[in-house]
Amino acid sequence: MLPTKDSASAQKTVHAMTIDVEDYFHVAALSQVVRPDQWDQQPSRVVDNTHKILQLFADKQIHGTFFVLGWVAERYPELVKEISALGHEVASHGYSHQLIYGQTPEVFRAETHRSKQILENLSQAPILGYRAASYSITTKSLWALDILTELGFTWDSSIFPVYHDNYGIPDTPNEPYRIQTRNGLMLTEFPLTAAKIAGLNIPAAGGGYFRQFPYPLFKLLFQRASQGNSVPKIFYLHPWEVDPDQPRFNEASWFSRFRHYTNLDQCEKRLNRLIDDFEFGTLSDSLQSFKPTETYTNMDDALVKLA
């Protein structure tokens, strides 16, 4: 039996539980000390860490959406098959975990298509959802939305409505909305969670924010963002965040080490609490409980609301 939630309203809105399936050495915070051509030389921990999350979800009787990196899927195909067989939703996290605005459209298209094909072959199901590495669909890379629709994706979860040094489009909606891309195709955007406090969007989606904020504060922000559990929101985590024993790159900058390693030993316990405090399902489950009313289009350097 699922644990009792804090309120009756928590049971009416299904929030999206999402996992970005990548290894500890893939992250942007460590890109200055471990290059992609060195990844295969690192001891991989993604399978064991993902299994830890899968077991927790089984214990809590929930399903989630797993955004699997193509690089991981190619090397550990049985992991993708297992995620799918357990009833979780499989979506794409791209192939090489590079920032989109650092790629050309041609490279992005080729890698995204490659990853989609790998995941569809392994899961034996259409891959309709996408999340960019480090949320790197920004005003510098809105052209990527055109390519996503052309490749057959119908929803995206890459745009973070906050200010950040590496990502974010702060003046975009906090709730799911539609994007009519310049090729005339339609995409549903499920933005990352932010709580509006004193006119500012405060990140409340998961990951480093989940580890760095005290849990009561994070819970409060998530409740605030969901308008008292009346609007579905996204939570995200990475398998490496429940692995305090992972290898350390001590040559990384202090700030990078702070972002990556803070409270790894607390994360799994906090995830348990979060699942008890809110109702979670797959991203597609969550979208079913909310009908977007706003439509935007992607210009060269901005998302513009359509009348």
C-alpha atoms as a PDB file:
ATOM      1  CA  MET A   1       0.000   0.000   0.000  1.00  0.00           C
ATOM      2  CA  LEU A   2       1.280   3.455  -0.877  1.00  0.00           C
ATOM      3  CA  PRO A   3       2.112   5.720   2.071  1.00  0.00           C
ATOM      4  CA  THR A   4      -0.489   8.234   3.180  1.00  0.00           C
ATOM      5  CA  LYS A   5       0.052  11.672   1.625  1.00  0.00           C
ATOM      6  CA  ASP A   6      -0.067  14.938   3.517  1.00  0.00           C
ATOM      7  CA  SER A   7      -3.478  15.952   2.188  1.00  0.00           C
ATOM      8  CA  ALA A   8      -6.325  14.802   0.019  1.00  0.00           C
ATOM      9  CA  SER A   9      -5.293  17.293  -2.661  1.00  0.00           C
ATOM     10  CA  ALA A  10      -1.927  15.563  -3.017  1.00  0.00           C
ATOM     11  CA  GLN A  11      -3.746  12.478  -4.287  1.00  0.00           C
ATOM     12  CA  LYS A  12      -5.576  14.372  -7.053  1.00  0.00           C
ATOM     13  CA  THR A  13      -2.540  15.747  -8.897  1.00  0.00           C
ATOM     14  CA  VAL A  14       0.104  13.415 -10.282  1.00  0.00           C
ATOM     15  CA  HIS A  15       3.535  14.995 -10.419  1.00  0.00           C
ATOM     16  CA  ALA A  16       6.154  13.735 -12.854  1.00  0.00           C
ATOM     17  CA  MET A  17       8.949  11.626 -11.380  1.00  0.00           C
ATOM     18  CA  THR A  18      11.843  11.792 -13.846  1.00  0.00           C
ATOM     19  CA  ILE A  19      15.312  10.255 -13.814  1.00  0.00           C
ATOM     20  CA  ASP A  20      18.118  11.396 -16.129  1.00  0.00           C
ATOM     21  CA  VAL A  21      20.053   8.173 -16.699  1.00  0.00           C
ATOM     22  CA  GLU A  22      23.676   9.210 -17.012  1.00  0.00           C
ATOM     23  CA  ASP A  23      26.888   8.354 -15.173  1.00  0.00           C
ATOM     24  CA  TYR A  24      28.714  10.549 -12.671  1.00  0.00           C
ATOM     25  CA  PHE A  25      31.431  11.484 -15.184  1.00  0.00           C
ATOM     26  CA  HIS A  26      28.958  12.758 -17.803  1.00  0.00           C
ATOM     27  CA  VAL A  27      27.919  15.882 -15.923  1.00  0.00           C
ATOM     28  CA  ALA A  28      28.687  19.388 -17.168  1.00  0.00           C
ATOM     29  CA  ALA A  29      30.123  20.365 -13.770  1.00  0.00           C
ATOM     30  CA  LEU A  30      33.011  17.937 -14.336  1.00  0.00           C
ATOM     31  CA  SER A  31      33.518  18.536 -18.064  1.00  0.00           C
ATOM     32  CA  GLN A  32      36.750  20.452 -17.459  1.00  0.00           C
ATOM     33  CA  VAL A  33      38.448  17.487 -15.783  1.00  0.00           C
ATOM     34  CA  VAL A  34      37.064  14.440 -17.620  1.00  0.00           C
ATOM     35  CA  ARG A  35      36.702  14.611 -21.414  1.00  0.00           C
ATOM     36  CA  PRO A  36      34.286  12.482 -23.464  1.00  0.00           C
ATOM     37  CA  ASP A  37      37.212  10.521 -24.897  1.00  0.00           C
ATOM     38  CA  GLN A  38      38.058   9.511 -21.315  1.00  0.00           C
ATOM     39  CA  TRP A  39      34.578   8.305 -20.363  1.00  0.00           C
ATOM     40  CA  ASP A  40      35.177   4.682 -21.300  1.00  0.00           C
ATOM     41  CA  GLN A  41      38.203   4.660 -19.001  1.00  0.00           C
ATOM     42  CA  GLN A  42      36.129   5.525 -15.920  1.00  0.00           C
ATOM     43  CA  PRO A  43      34.572   2.847 -13.686  1.00  0.00           C
ATOM     44  CA  SER A  44      30.894   2.944 -14.580  1.00  0.00           C
ATOM     45  CA  ARG A  45      28.310   2.944 -11.788  1.00  0.00           C
ATOM     46  CA  VAL A  46      25.157   3.827 -13.728  1.00  0.00           C
ATOM     47  CA  VAL A  47      23.663   0.317 -13.788  1.00  0.00           C
ATOM     48  CA  ASP A  48      23.926  -0.312 -10.047  1.00  0.00           C
ATOM     49  CA  ASN A  49      22.736   3.193  -9.198  1.00  0.00           C
ATOM     50  CA  THR A  50      19.752   2.941 -11.548  1.00  0.00           C
ATOM     51  CA  HIS A  51      18.887  -0.429 -10.017  1.00  0.00           C
ATOM     52  CA  LYS A  52      18.849   1.252  -6.613  1.00  0.00           C
ATOM     53  CA  ILE A  53      16.256   3.742  -7.869  1.00  0.00           C
ATOM     54  CA  LEU A  54      14.243   1.035  -9.629  1.00  0.00           C
ATOM     55  CA  GLN A  55      14.070  -0.926  -6.376  1.00  0.00           C
ATOM     56  CA  LEU A  56      12.926   2.147  -4.464  1.00  0.00           C
ATOM     57  CA  PHE A  57      10.190   2.807  -7.038  1.00  0.00           C
ATOM     58  CA  ALA A  58       9.083  -0.826  -6.808  1.00  0.00           C
ATOM     59  CA  ASP A  59       8.931  -0.574  -3.019  1.00  0.00           C
ATOM     60  CA  LYS A  60       6.898   2.643  -3.259  1.00  0.00           C
ATOM     61  CA  GLN A  61       4.738   1.271  -6.093  1.00  0.00           C
ATOM     62  CA  ILE A  62       5.310   4.186  -8.463  1.00  0.00           C
ATOM     63  CA  HIS A  63       6.393   4.505 -12.078  1.00  0.00           C
ATOM     64  CA  GLY A  64       8.572   7.236 -13.521  1.00  0.00           C
ATOM     65  CA  THR A  65      10.015   8.554 -16.757  1.00  0.00           C
ATOM     66  CA  PHE A  66      13.646   7.621 -17.424  1.00  0.00           C
ATOM     67  CA  PHE A  67      15.486   9.940 -19.817  1.00  0.00           C
ATOM     68  CA  VAL A  68      18.245   7.605 -20.972  1.00  0.00           C
ATOM     69  CA  LEU A  69      21.467   8.903 -22.470  1.00  0.00           C
ATOM     70  CA  GLY A  70      22.205   7.194 -25.785  1.00  0.00           C
ATOM     71  CA  TRP A  71      25.822   6.641 -24.728  1.00  0.00           C
ATOM     72  CA  VAL A  72      24.550   4.650 -21.741  1.00  0.00           C
ATOM     73  CA  ALA A  73      21.920   2.737 -23.724  1.00  0.00           C
ATOM     74  CA  GLU A  74      24.483   1.641 -26.297  1.00  0.00           C
ATOM     75  CA  ARG A  75      26.774   0.182 -23.633  1.00  0.00           C
ATOM     76  CA  TYR A  76      24.141  -1.181 -21.245  1.00  0.00           C
ATOM     77  CA  PRO A  77      21.193  -2.236 -23.421  1.00  0.00           C
ATOM     78  CA  GLU A  78      19.799  -4.615 -20.805  1.00  0.00           C
ATOM     79  CA  LEU A  79      19.278  -1.674 -18.455  1.00  0.00           C
ATOM     80  CA  VAL A  80      16.959   0.032 -20.947  1.00  0.00           C
ATOM     81  CA  LYS A  81      15.066  -3.214 -21.516  1.00  0.00           C
ATOM     82  CA  GLU A  82      14.651  -3.640 -17.756  1.00  0.00           C
ATOM     83  CA  ILE A  83      13.376  -0.086 -17.244  1.00  0.00           C
ATOM     84  CA  SER A  84      10.784  -0.613 -19.974  1.00  0.00           C
ATOM     85  CA  ALA A  85       9.798  -4.107 -18.800  1.00  0.00           C
ATOM     86  CA  LEU A  86       9.094  -2.755 -15.310  1.00  0.00           C
ATOM     87  CA  GLY A  87       6.479  -0.411 -16.756  1.00  0.00           C
ATOM     88  CA  HIS A  88       8.421   2.844 -16.607  1.00  0.00           C
ATOM     89  CA  GLU A  89       8.381   5.368 -19.431  1.00  0.00           C
ATOM     90  CA  VAL A  90      11.550   5.585 -21.543  1.00  0.00           C
ATOM     91  CA  ALA A  91      12.484   8.936 -23.080  1.00  0.00           C
ATOM     92  CA  SER A  92      15.596  10.394 -24.725  1.00  0.00           C
ATOM     93  CA  HIS A  93      18.356  12.351 -23.016  1.00  0.00           C
ATOM     94  CA  GLY A  94      20.224  12.773 -26.286  1.00  0.00           C
ATOM     95  CA  TYR A  95      23.354  10.818 -27.093  1.00  0.00           C
ATOM     96  CA  SER A  96      26.555  12.493 -25.913  1.00  0.00           C
ATOM     97  CA  HIS A  97      25.445  14.806 -23.063  1.00  0.00           C
ATOM     98  CA  GLN A  98      26.858  17.891 -24.754  1.00  0.00           C
ATOM     99  CA  LEU A  99      25.315  21.342 -24.423  1.00  0.00           C
ATOM    100  CA  ILE A 100      23.033  21.886 -27.411  1.00  0.00           C
ATOM    101  CA  TYR A 101      24.057  25.508 -27.888  1.00  0.00           C
ATOM    102  CA  GLY A 102      27.623  24.255 -28.328  1.00  0.00           C
ATOM    103  CA  GLN A 103      26.596  21.979 -31.204  1.00  0.00           C
ATOM    104  CA  THR A 104      25.643  22.670 -34.786  1.00  0.00           C
ATOM    105  CA  PRO A 105      22.078  21.804 -35.854  1.00  0.00           C
ATOM    106  CA  GLU A 106      23.522  19.056 -38.058  1.00  0.00           C
ATOM    107  CA  VAL A 107      25.362  17.377 -35.181  1.00  0.00           C
ATOM    108  CA  PHE A 108      22.379  17.751 -32.870  1.00  0.00           C
ATOM    109  CA  ARG A 109      20.031  16.197 -35.421  1.00  0.00           C
ATOM    110  CA  ALA A 110      22.336  13.239 -36.083  1.00  0.00           C
ATOM    111  CA  GLU A 111      22.953  12.508 -32.399  1.00  0.00           C
ATOM    112  CA  THR A 112      19.316  12.879 -31.385  1.00  0.00           C
ATOM    113  CA  HIS A 113      18.154  10.625 -34.202  1.00  0.00           C
ATOM    114  CA  ARG A 114      20.797   8.061 -33.250  1.00  0.00           C
ATOM    115  CA  SER A 115      19.717   8.049 -29.612  1.00  0.00           C
ATOM    116  CA  LYS A 116      16.028   7.785 -30.516  1.00  0.00           C
ATOM    117  CA  GLN A 117      16.657   4.785 -32.730  1.00  0.00           C
ATOM    118  CA  ILE A 118      18.731   3.007 -30.068  1.00  0.00           C
ATOM    119  CA  LEU A 119      16.052   3.496 -27.410  1.00  0.00           C
ATOM    120  CA  GLU A 120      13.181   2.487 -29.703  1.00  0.00           C
ATOM    121  CA  ASN A 121      14.975  -0.702 -30.703  1.00  0.00           C
ATOM    122  CA  LEU A 122      15.642  -1.613 -27.068  1.00  0.00           C
ATOM    123  CA  SER A 123      12.265  -0.642 -25.583  1.00  0.00           C
ATOM    124  CA  GLN A 124      10.238  -1.775 -28.604  1.00  0.00           C
ATOM    125  CA  ALA A 125       8.116   1.341 -28.221  1.00  0.00           C
ATOM    126  CA  PRO A 126       8.006   4.831 -29.765  1.00  0.00           C
ATOM    127  CA  ILE A 127      10.198   7.382 -27.996  1.00  0.00           C
ATOM    128  CA  LEU A 128       8.113  10.549 -27.873  1.00  0.00           C
ATOM    129  CA  GLY A 129       9.802  12.557 -25.095  1.00  0.00           C
ATOM    130  CA  TYR A 130      13.102  14.400 -24.888  1.00  0.00           C
ATOM    131  CA  ARG A 131      15.214  16.235 -22.316  1.00  0.00           C
ATOM    132  CA  ALA A 132      18.353  18.140 -23.252  1.00  0.00           C
ATOM    133  CA  ALA A 133      21.633  17.676 -21.412  1.00  0.00           C
ATOM    134  CA  SER A 134      21.851  20.338 -18.685  1.00  0.00           C
ATOM    135  CA  TYR A 135      18.542  21.850 -19.897  1.00  0.00           C
ATOM    136  CA  SER A 136      20.492  23.452 -22.727  1.00  0.00           C
ATOM    137  CA  ILE A 137      17.560  24.501 -24.891  1.00  0.00           C
ATOM    138  CA  THR A 138      17.927  28.221 -24.305  1.00  0.00           C
ATOM    139  CA  THR A 139      17.456  31.339 -26.411  1.00  0.00           C
ATOM    140  CA  LYS A 140      20.721  30.307 -28.131  1.00  0.00           C
ATOM    141  CA  SER A 141      19.331  26.950 -29.277  1.00  0.00           C
ATOM    142  CA  LEU A 142      15.591  27.277 -29.915  1.00  0.00           C
ATOM    143  CA  TRP A 143      16.226  25.822 -33.366  1.00  0.00           C
ATOM    144  CA  ALA A 144      16.507  22.455 -31.599  1.00  0.00           C
ATOM    145  CA  LEU A 145      12.724  22.455 -31.081  1.00  0.00           C
ATOM    146  CA  ASP A 146      12.198  22.351 -34.855  1.00  0.00           C
ATOM    147  CA  ILE A 147      14.464  19.329 -35.112  1.00  0.00           C
ATOM    148  CA  LEU A 148      12.738  17.521 -32.242  1.00  0.00           C
ATOM    149  CA  THR A 149       9.351  17.735 -33.943  1.00  0.00           C
ATOM    150  CA  GLU A 150      10.825  16.707 -37.286  1.00  0.00           C
ATOM    151  CA  LEU A 151      12.266  13.596 -35.618  1.00  0.00           C
ATOM    152  CA  GLY A 152       8.861  12.641 -34.205  1.00  0.00           C
ATOM    153  CA  PHE A 153       9.051  13.847 -30.610  1.00  0.00           C
ATOM    154  CA  THR A 154       5.718  15.126 -29.299  1.00  0.00           C
ATOM    155  CA  TRP A 155       6.815  16.488 -25.906  1.00  0.00           C
ATOM    156  CA  ASP A 156       9.881  18.025 -24.365  1.00  0.00           C
ATOM    157  CA  SER A 157      11.127  18.792 -20.847  1.00  0.00           C
ATOM    158  CA  SER A 158      14.224  20.907 -21.427  1.00  0.00           C
ATOM    159  CA  ILE A 159      13.258  24.512 -20.695  1.00  0.00           C
ATOM    160  CA  PHE A 160      13.918  25.786 -17.177  1.00  0.00           C
ATOM    161  CA  PRO A 161      12.147  29.121 -16.447  1.00  0.00           C
ATOM    162  CA  VAL A 162      14.971  30.429 -14.223  1.00  0.00           C
ATOM    163  CA  TYR A 163      18.210  32.401 -14.376  1.00  0.00           C
ATOM    164  CA  HIS A 164      21.307  30.141 -14.365  1.00  0.00           C
ATOM    165  CA  ASP A 165      24.851  30.407 -15.694  1.00  0.00           C
ATOM    166  CA  ASN A 166      24.423  27.405 -18.013  1.00  0.00           C
ATOM    167  CA  TYR A 167      20.709  27.249 -18.837  1.00  0.00           C
ATOM    168  CA  GLY A 168      17.283  28.794 -18.422  1.00  0.00           C
ATOM    169  CA  ILE A 169      14.738  31.018 -20.179  1.00  0.00           C
ATOM    170  CA  PRO A 170      13.372  32.911 -17.175  1.00  0.00           C
ATOM    171  CA  ASP A 171      10.415  34.653 -18.808  1.00  0.00           C
ATOM    172  CA  THR A 172       8.718  31.455 -20.026  1.00  0.00           C
ATOM    173  CA  PRO A 173       5.699  29.734 -18.418  1.00  0.00           C
ATOM    174  CA  ASN A 174       5.898  27.645 -15.253  1.00  0.00           C
ATOM    175  CA  GLU A 175       3.080  25.356 -16.395  1.00  0.00           C
ATOM    176  CA  PRO A 176       2.925  22.968 -19.388  1.00  0.00           C
ATOM    177  CA  TYR A 177       2.319  24.753 -22.698  1.00  0.00           C
ATOM    178  CA  ARG A 178       2.348  24.051 -26.414  1.00  0.00           C
ATOM    179  CA  ILE A 179       5.005  25.149 -28.874  1.00  0.00           C
ATOM    180  CA  GLN A 180       4.145  25.428 -32.554  1.00  0.00           C
ATOM    181  CA  THR A 181       7.523  25.121 -34.191  1.00  0.00           C
ATOM    182  CA  ARG A 182       8.447  26.960 -37.343  1.00  0.00           C
ATOM    183  CA  ASN A 183       7.813  23.873 -39.452  1.00  0.00           C
ATOM    184  CA  GLY A 184       4.145  23.925 -38.370  1.00  0.00           C
ATOM    185  CA  LEU A 185       4.422  20.929 -36.043  1.00  0.00           C
ATOM    186  CA  MET A 186       3.349  20.916 -32.397  1.00  0.00           C
ATOM    187  CA  LEU A 187       5.297  20.078 -29.246  1.00  0.00           C
ATOM    188  CA  THR A 188       4.104  20.075 -25.640  1.00  0.00           C
ATOM    189  CA  GLU A 189       6.663  21.633 -23.291  1.00  0.00           C
ATOM    190  CA  PHE A 190       6.643  20.514 -19.651  1.00  0.00           C
ATOM    191  CA  PRO A 191       9.001  23.046 -18.029  1.00  0.00           C
ATOM    192  CA  LEU A 192      11.158  22.299 -15.028  1.00  0.00           C
ATOM    193  CA  THR A 193       9.679  23.303 -11.680  1.00  0.00           C
ATOM    194  CA  ALA A 194      10.175  26.786 -10.279  1.00  0.00           C
ATOM    195  CA  ALA A 195       8.372  28.512  -7.416  1.00  0.00           C
ATOM    196  CA  LYS A 196       7.609  32.201  -7.778  1.00  0.00           C
ATOM    197  CA  ILE A 197       8.755  34.053  -4.660  1.00  0.00           C
ATOM    198  CA  ALA A 198       8.676  37.879  -4.541  1.00  0.00           C
ATOM    199  CA  GLY A 199       8.475  37.935  -8.330  1.00  0.00           C
ATOM    200  CA  LEU A 200      11.470  35.636  -8.848  1.00  0.00           C
ATOM    201  CA  ASN A 201      11.445  32.036 -10.076  1.00  0.00           C
ATOM    202  CA  ILE A 202      13.247  29.848  -7.519  1.00  0.00           C
ATOM    203  CA  PRO A 203      14.331  26.421  -8.830  1.00  0.00           C
ATOM    204  CA  ALA A 204      12.400  23.607  -7.145  1.00  0.00           C
ATOM    205  CA  ALA A 205      12.764  20.760  -9.616  1.00  0.00           C
ATOM    206  CA  GLY A 206      15.291  18.399  -8.021  1.00  0.00           C
ATOM    207  CA  GLY A 207      18.921  17.537  -8.637  1.00  0.00           C
ATOM    208  CA  GLY A 208      21.411  19.836  -6.946  1.00  0.00           C
ATOM    209  CA  TYR A 209      18.614  22.043  -5.613  1.00  0.00           C
ATOM    210  CA  PHE A 210      17.080  19.003  -3.919  1.00  0.00           C
ATOM    211  CA  ARG A 211      20.395  18.131  -2.288  1.00  0.00           C
ATOM    212  CA  GLN A 212      21.499  21.659  -1.371  1.00  0.00           C
ATOM    213  CA  PHE A 213      18.251  23.050   0.041  1.00  0.00           C
ATOM    214  CA  PRO A 214      17.124  21.711   3.432  1.00  0.00           C
ATOM    215  CA  TYR A 215      14.348  19.197   2.760  1.00  0.00           C
ATOM    216  CA  PRO A 216      11.579  21.225   4.491  1.00  0.00           C
ATOM    217  CA  LEU A 217      12.465  24.221   2.296  1.00  0.00           C
ATOM    218  CA  PHE A 218      12.455  22.145  -0.884  1.00  0.00           C
ATOM    219  CA  LYS A 219       9.106  20.616   0.050  1.00  0.00           C
ATOM    220  CA  LEU A 220       7.678  24.076   0.703  1.00  0.00           C
ATOM    221  CA  LEU A 221       8.921  25.374  -2.656  1.00  0.00           C
ATOM    222  CA  PHE A 222       7.538  22.340  -4.494  1.00  0.00           C
ATOM    223  CA  GLN A 223       4.153  22.823  -2.816  1.00  0.00           C
ATOM    224  CA  ARG A 224       4.225  26.531  -3.648  1.00  0.00           C
ATOM    225  CA  ALA A 225       5.121  25.834  -7.280  1.00  0.00           C
ATOM    226  CA  SER A 226       2.278  23.324  -7.612  1.00  0.00           C
ATOM    227  CA  GLN A 227      -0.206  25.832  -6.177  1.00  0.00           C
ATOM    228  CA  GLY A 228      -1.091  23.552  -3.301  1.00  0.00           C
ATOM    229  CA  ASN A 229      -0.870  20.382  -5.403  1.00  0.00           C
ATOM    230  CA  SER A 230      -3.371  21.639  -7.967  1.00  0.00           C
ATOM    231  CA  VAL A 231      -0.912  21.865 -10.894  1.00  0.00           C
ATOM    232  CA  PRO A 232       1.375  18.969 -11.910  1.00  0.00           C
ATOM    233  CA  LYS A 233       5.104  19.601 -11.548  1.00  0.00           C
ATOM    234  CA  ILE A 234       8.340  17.844 -12.439  1.00  0.00           C
ATOM    235  CA  PHE A 235      10.885  16.331 -10.114  1.00  0.00           C
ATOM    236  CA  TYR A 236      14.194  15.104 -11.509  1.00  0.00           C
ATOM    237  CA  LEU A 237      17.200  13.220 -10.206  1.00  0.00           C
ATOM    238  CA  HIS A 238      20.250  11.392 -11.563  1.00  0.00           C
ATOM    239  CA  PRO A 239      21.296   7.875 -10.539  1.00  0.00           C
ATOM    240  CA  TRP A 240      24.705   9.164  -9.407  1.00  0.00           C
ATOM    241  CA  GLU A 241      22.962  11.370  -6.822  1.00  0.00           C
ATOM    242  CA  VAL A 242      22.131   8.333  -4.688  1.00  0.00           C
ATOM    243  CA  ASP A 243      25.777   7.172  -4.788  1.00  0.00           C
ATOM    244  CA  PRO A 244      27.899   8.856  -2.089  1.00  0.00           C
ATOM    245  CA  ASP A 245      30.741   6.371  -2.722  1.00  0.00           C
ATOM    246  CA  GLN A 246      31.352   7.366  -6.344  1.00  0.00           C
ATOM    247  CA  PRO A 247      34.906   8.281  -7.409  1.00  0.00           C
ATOM    248  CA  ARG A 248      35.844  11.896  -6.711  1.00  0.00           C
ATOM    249  CA  PHE A 249      37.473  14.343  -9.105  1.00  0.00           C
ATOM    250  CA  ASN A 250      39.308  16.493  -6.584  1.00  0.00           C
ATOM    251  CA  GLU A 251      41.015  18.501  -9.328  1.00  0.00           C
ATOM    252  CA  ALA A 252      37.670  20.030 -10.303  1.00  0.00           C
ATOM    253  CA  SER A 253      36.990  23.592  -9.156  1.00  0.00           C
ATOM    254  CA  TRP A 254      35.564  24.202  -5.700  1.00  0.00           C
ATOM    255  CA  PHE A 255      32.268  25.355  -7.198  1.00  0.00           C
ATOM    256  CA  SER A 256      31.978  22.282  -9.445  1.00  0.00           C
ATOM    257  CA  ARG A 257      32.699  19.987  -6.505  1.00  0.00           C
ATOM    258  CA  PHE A 258      30.107  21.822  -4.426  1.00  0.00           C
ATOM    259  CA  ARG A 259      27.469  21.403  -7.136  1.00  0.00           C
ATOM    260  CA  HIS A 260      28.224  17.740  -7.696  1.00  0.00           C
ATOM    261  CA  TYR A 261      29.044  16.254  -4.297  1.00  0.00           C
ATOM    262  CA  THR A 262      26.982  18.207  -1.741  1.00  0.00           C
ATOM    263  CA  ASN A 263      24.741  15.937   0.379  1.00  0.00           C
ATOM    264  CA  LEU A 264      25.037  12.847  -1.808  1.00  0.00           C
ATOM    265  CA  ASP A 265      24.767  10.850   1.411  1.00  0.00           C
ATOM    266  CA  GLN A 266      21.387  12.456   2.174  1.00  0.00           C
ATOM    267  CA  CYS A 267      19.768  12.178  -1.240  1.00  0.00           C
ATOM    268  CA  GLU A 268      18.261   8.693  -1.146  1.00  0.00           C
ATOM    269  CA  LYS A 269      16.685   9.313   2.252  1.00  0.00           C
ATOM    270  CA  ARG A 270      15.209  12.602   1.009  1.00  0.00           C
ATOM    271  CA  LEU A 271      13.867  10.903  -2.114  1.00  0.00           C
ATOM    272  CA  ASN A 272      12.022   8.436   0.132  1.00  0.00           C
ATOM    273  CA  ARG A 273      10.430  11.345   1.999  1.00  0.00           C
ATOM    274  CA  LEU A 274       9.460  13.170  -1.180  1.00  0.00           C
ATOM    275  CA  ILE A 275       7.662  10.130  -2.608  1.00  0.00           C
ATOM    276  CA  ASP A 276       5.753   9.827   0.658  1.00  0.00           C
ATOM    277  CA  ASP A 277       4.811  13.515   0.623  1.00  0.00           C
ATOM    278  CA  PHE A 278       3.558  13.821  -2.981  1.00  0.00           C
ATOM    279  CA  GLU A 279       1.829  11.707  -5.613  1.00  0.00           C
ATOM    280  CA  PHE A 280       4.122  10.757  -8.505  1.00  0.00           C
ATOM    281  CA  GLY A 281       3.844   8.987 -11.861  1.00  0.00           C
ATOM    282  CA  THR A 282       5.346   9.180 -15.321  1.00  0.00           C
ATOM    283  CA  LEU A 283       5.598  12.464 -17.156  1.00  0.00           C
ATOM    284  CA  SER A 284       2.886  11.337 -19.570  1.00  0.00           C
ATOM    285  CA  ASP A 285       0.640  10.443 -16.614  1.00  0.00           C
ATOM    286  CA  SER A 286       1.243  13.904 -15.207  1.00  0.00           C
ATOM    287  CA  LEU A 287       0.443  15.647 -18.480  1.00  0.00           C
ATOM    288  CA  GLN A 288      -2.907  13.857 -18.640  1.00  0.00           C
ATOM    289  CA  SER A 289      -4.008  15.745 -15.535  1.00  0.00           C
ATOM    290  CA  PHE A 290      -3.335  19.175 -17.078  1.00  0.00           C
ATOM    291  CA  LYS A 291      -4.587  20.656 -20.333  1.00  0.00           C
ATOM    292  CA  PRO A 292      -2.237  23.355 -21.672  1.00  0.00           C
ATOM    293  CA  THR A 293      -4.045  26.524 -22.692  1.00  0.00           C
ATOM    294  CA  GLU A 294      -1.167  28.632 -24.026  1.00  0.00           C
ATOM    295  CA  THR A 295       0.696  28.215 -27.304  1.00  0.00           C
ATOM    296  CA  TYR A 296       4.068  29.716 -28.159  1.00  0.00           C
ATOM    297  CA  THR A 297       6.290  29.658 -31.219  1.00  0.00           C
ATOM    298  CA  ASN A 298      10.076  29.601 -31.363  1.00  0.00           C
ATOM    299  CA  MET A 299      11.724  32.575 -33.012  1.00  0.00           C
ATOM    300  CA  ASP A 300      15.491  32.859 -33.496  1.00  0.00           C
ATOM    301  CA  ASP A 301      16.137  34.084 -29.977  1.00  0.00           C
ATOM    302  CA  ALA A 302      12.833  33.996 -28.061  1.00  0.00           C
ATOM    303  CA  LEU A 303       9.659  32.061 -27.406  1.00  0.00           C
ATOM    304  CA  VAL A 304       6.714  34.235 -28.439  1.00  0.00           C
ATOM    305  CA  LYS A 305       3.146  33.686 -27.249  1.00  0.00           C
ATOM    306  CA  LEU A 306       0.565  33.225 -29.988  1.00  0.00           C
ATOM    307  CA  ALA A 307      -2.785  34.966 -29.706  1.00  0.00           C
END
